[in-house]
Protein backbone atom coordinates (compact mmCIF):
# COMPACT_ATOMS: atom_id res chain seq x y z
CA MET A 1 4.44 18.23 6.59
CA SER A 2 6.76 15.72 4.96
CA THR A 3 9.43 16.77 2.45
CA LYS A 4 10.66 13.27 1.56
CA LEU A 5 10.06 12.25 -2.07
CA LEU A 6 6.71 10.48 -2.38
CA THR A 7 6.83 7.79 -5.04
CA LEU A 8 3.40 6.84 -6.27
CA VAL A 9 2.81 4.21 -8.89
CA TYR A 10 -0.29 3.60 -10.94
CA ASP A 11 -1.97 0.52 -12.27
CA GLU A 12 -5.39 -0.62 -13.34
CA MET A 13 -7.47 -2.10 -10.55
CA PRO A 14 -7.58 -5.88 -10.93
CA GLN A 15 -10.57 -7.16 -12.91
CA ASP A 16 -11.81 -9.04 -9.81
CA LEU A 17 -12.27 -5.72 -8.02
CA SER A 18 -13.56 -3.53 -10.82
CA PRO A 19 -15.23 -5.82 -13.40
CA ASP A 20 -17.52 -3.28 -15.10
CA GLU A 21 -15.10 -0.50 -16.02
CA ALA A 22 -11.44 0.36 -16.08
CA VAL A 23 -10.49 2.05 -12.84
CA PHE A 24 -6.92 3.02 -12.16
CA CYS A 25 -5.35 3.64 -8.78
CA LEU A 26 -2.39 5.64 -7.52
CA PHE A 27 -0.71 3.70 -4.77
CA SER A 28 2.38 3.72 -2.60
CA ALA A 29 5.39 2.00 -4.16
CA VAL A 30 6.89 1.38 -0.71
CA ALA A 31 3.70 -0.19 0.70
CA ALA A 32 3.30 -2.32 -2.43
CA ASP A 33 6.87 -3.61 -2.11
CA VAL A 34 6.30 -4.53 1.55
CA ALA A 35 3.02 -6.29 0.69
CA VAL A 36 4.63 -8.28 -2.14
CA ARG A 37 7.46 -9.40 0.17
CA ALA A 38 4.96 -10.24 2.93
CA TYR A 39 2.84 -12.33 0.53
CA ALA A 40 5.98 -14.19 -0.53
CA ALA A 41 6.89 -15.05 3.07
CA LYS A 42 6.44 -18.73 3.91
CA THR A 43 7.59 -18.57 7.55
CA TRP A 44 7.18 -16.11 10.39
CA ALA A 45 10.90 -15.29 10.19
CA GLN A 46 10.50 -14.40 6.50
CA PHE A 47 7.47 -12.26 7.35
CA ALA A 48 9.43 -10.37 10.01
CA GLU A 49 12.17 -9.71 7.46
CA ALA A 50 9.58 -8.59 4.88
CA VAL A 51 8.20 -5.93 7.23
CA GLY A 52 11.66 -4.84 8.36
CA LEU A 53 11.57 -6.05 11.96
CA PRO A 54 13.78 -8.42 13.90
CA PHE A 55 11.76 -11.59 14.54
CA ASP A 56 12.07 -11.29 18.33
CA GLU A 57 10.68 -7.76 18.22
CA LEU A 58 7.75 -8.83 16.03
CA VAL A 59 6.61 -11.57 18.43
CA ASP A 60 7.55 -9.90 21.73
CA THR A 61 4.33 -10.12 23.74
CA THR A 62 5.17 -6.87 25.54
CA GLY A 63 5.71 -5.04 22.23
CA ASP A 64 3.38 -3.56 19.64
CA TRP A 65 2.22 -6.74 17.89
CA GLY A 66 3.36 -9.86 19.76
CA GLU A 67 0.34 -10.42 22.00
CA GLU A 68 -2.12 -9.96 19.13
CA ILE A 69 -0.06 -12.18 16.82
CA ALA A 70 0.04 -14.91 19.47
CA GLU A 71 -3.73 -14.66 19.83
CA ALA A 72 -4.30 -14.82 16.06
CA PHE A 73 -1.80 -17.67 15.54
CA GLY A 74 -2.85 -19.55 18.68
CA LYS A 75 0.59 -19.24 20.28
CA VAL A 76 3.76 -17.20 19.95
CA PRO A 77 5.06 -18.37 16.59
CA ARG A 78 8.56 -19.76 16.11
CA PRO A 79 10.70 -18.42 13.25
CA SER A 80 10.18 -21.62 11.24
CA ASP A 81 6.40 -21.83 11.75
CA PRO A 82 4.46 -21.56 8.49
CA PHE A 83 3.08 -18.17 7.54
CA ARG A 84 0.57 -17.05 4.90
CA LEU A 85 -0.37 -13.37 4.77
CA ALA A 86 -3.75 -14.18 3.22
CA ASP A 87 -4.70 -15.85 6.52
CA TYR A 88 -4.22 -12.57 8.38
CA TRP A 89 -4.62 -9.71 5.86
CA GLY A 90 -6.69 -6.93 7.35
CA MET A 91 -6.62 -8.23 10.92
CA TRP A 92 -6.13 -5.61 13.60
CA CYS A 93 -3.05 -7.42 14.91
CA PHE A 94 -1.16 -6.40 11.78
CA ALA A 95 -2.11 -2.73 11.84
CA GLY A 96 0.85 -0.75 10.60
CA LEU A 97 2.91 -3.74 9.49
CA VAL A 98 1.42 -4.27 6.04
CA ILE A 99 -0.62 -1.29 4.91
CA PRO A 100 -2.81 -1.66 1.81
CA PRO A 101 -0.91 0.23 -0.92
CA CYS A 102 -3.90 2.34 -2.04
CA GLN A 103 -4.65 3.40 1.51
CA ALA A 104 -0.97 4.17 2.17
CA ALA A 105 -0.99 6.60 -0.77
CA VAL A 106 -3.99 8.46 0.62
CA LEU A 107 -2.38 8.74 4.05
CA ALA A 108 0.86 10.05 2.52
CA VAL A 109 -0.92 12.57 0.29
CA PHE A 110 -3.03 13.96 3.14
CA ASP A 111 0.25 14.77 4.90
CA ARG A 112 1.34 16.87 1.89
CA PRO A 113 -1.08 19.74 1.15
CA ALA A 114 0.61 20.80 -2.12
CA ILE A 115 0.36 17.27 -3.53
CA ASN A 116 -3.20 16.88 -2.28
CA ARG A 117 -4.14 20.09 -4.13
CA LEU A 118 -2.24 18.98 -7.23
CA LEU A 119 -4.08 15.65 -7.47
CA THR A 120 -7.46 17.27 -6.86
CA ASP A 121 -6.79 20.01 -9.43
CA VAL A 122 -5.76 17.47 -12.08
CA GLY A 123 -8.93 15.41 -11.56
CA PHE A 124 -8.02 12.46 -9.36
CA GLU A 125 -10.73 11.22 -7.01
CA PHE A 126 -10.29 10.40 -3.34
CA ALA A 127 -12.67 7.47 -2.97
CA GLY A 128 -13.67 6.07 0.40
CA GLY A 129 -14.08 2.31 0.35
CA ALA A 130 -12.76 2.02 -3.21
CA PRO A 131 -12.86 -1.51 -4.66
CA GLY A 132 -10.22 -3.71 -3.09
CA SER A 133 -8.47 -0.88 -1.30
CA ASP A 134 -9.32 -1.87 2.28
CA GLY A 135 -10.29 1.74 2.74
CA ASP A 136 -9.58 4.90 0.88
CA ALA A 137 -7.90 5.17 -2.52
CA ILE A 138 -6.88 7.72 -5.13
CA ILE A 139 -8.59 6.60 -8.30
CA PHE A 140 -9.01 7.76 -11.89
CA ARG A 141 -10.79 6.41 -14.94
CA ASP A 142 -8.86 8.17 -17.73
CA ILE A 143 -5.23 7.16 -18.24
CA GLY A 144 -4.81 10.53 -19.96
CA LEU A 145 -4.62 12.13 -16.51
CA ILE A 146 -1.08 10.77 -16.06
CA PRO A 147 0.58 13.01 -18.71
CA ARG A 148 -1.40 15.96 -17.37
CA LEU A 149 -0.22 15.12 -13.84
CA GLU A 150 3.40 14.92 -15.00
CA GLN A 151 3.07 18.33 -16.69
CA GLU A 152 1.56 19.85 -13.55
CA ILE A 153 4.31 18.37 -11.36
CA ALA A 154 6.90 20.09 -13.57
CA GLY A 155 4.88 23.30 -13.84
CA ARG A 156 4.48 23.57 -10.09
CA ARG A 157 8.10 22.53 -9.51
CA LEU A 158 7.13 19.56 -7.33
CA GLN A 159 9.66 17.08 -8.80
CA ARG A 160 11.47 16.84 -5.45
CA GLN A 161 8.21 16.08 -3.64
CA ILE A 162 6.41 13.56 -5.87
CA SER A 163 7.36 10.97 -8.45
CA ILE A 164 4.88 9.01 -10.59
CA ARG A 165 5.49 5.86 -12.63
CA GLY A 166 3.50 3.02 -14.09
CA ALA A 167 3.69 -0.43 -12.52
CA PRO A 168 1.72 -2.95 -14.57
CA ARG A 169 0.31 -5.82 -12.50
CA LEU A 170 1.99 -4.64 -9.28
CA LEU A 171 -1.29 -3.71 -7.59
CA ALA A 172 -2.78 -7.19 -8.12
CA LYS A 173 0.43 -8.78 -6.84
CA ALA A 174 0.55 -6.49 -3.79
CA MET A 175 -3.06 -7.40 -3.00
CA GLY A 176 -2.39 -11.12 -3.30
CA LEU A 177 -4.49 -11.48 -6.46
CA ALA A 178 -1.75 -12.38 -8.92
């Protein structure tokens, strides 16, 4: 069980993904930041920096990702070779490097039973295959759940375990839709 502060942010799902009704999502601030930096990368060296790895480690064909990256790119990329995350998003060769922010939140919450209970008690839904989440997501349809969640965090004395804040338009940006 993890005791590190979990920072979740919330935003409305982009209209492209949820056109019929407002659906909000709790997602990982850390995973969103990595995804935004990865989408901004224009070269393989910038991508390596975005995901926090030395370039040589990223493309090492005896390491965790190098062989798969070489296969996807057609060769072992050079630092200056062009990169566009949208060309690779969701491919198995990037597993663990750029995790969809909604899915990262679910994974983090499942590792923290008290927070999992808290979210369920307050009324958040754990949705498998939620729109645009590349997997599971923690969703809600009523923005009024956020003040209730904040009250419950304080009431259960979980302030050192979970932090919640709004992040308008961050989810769309982290998913490459903005």
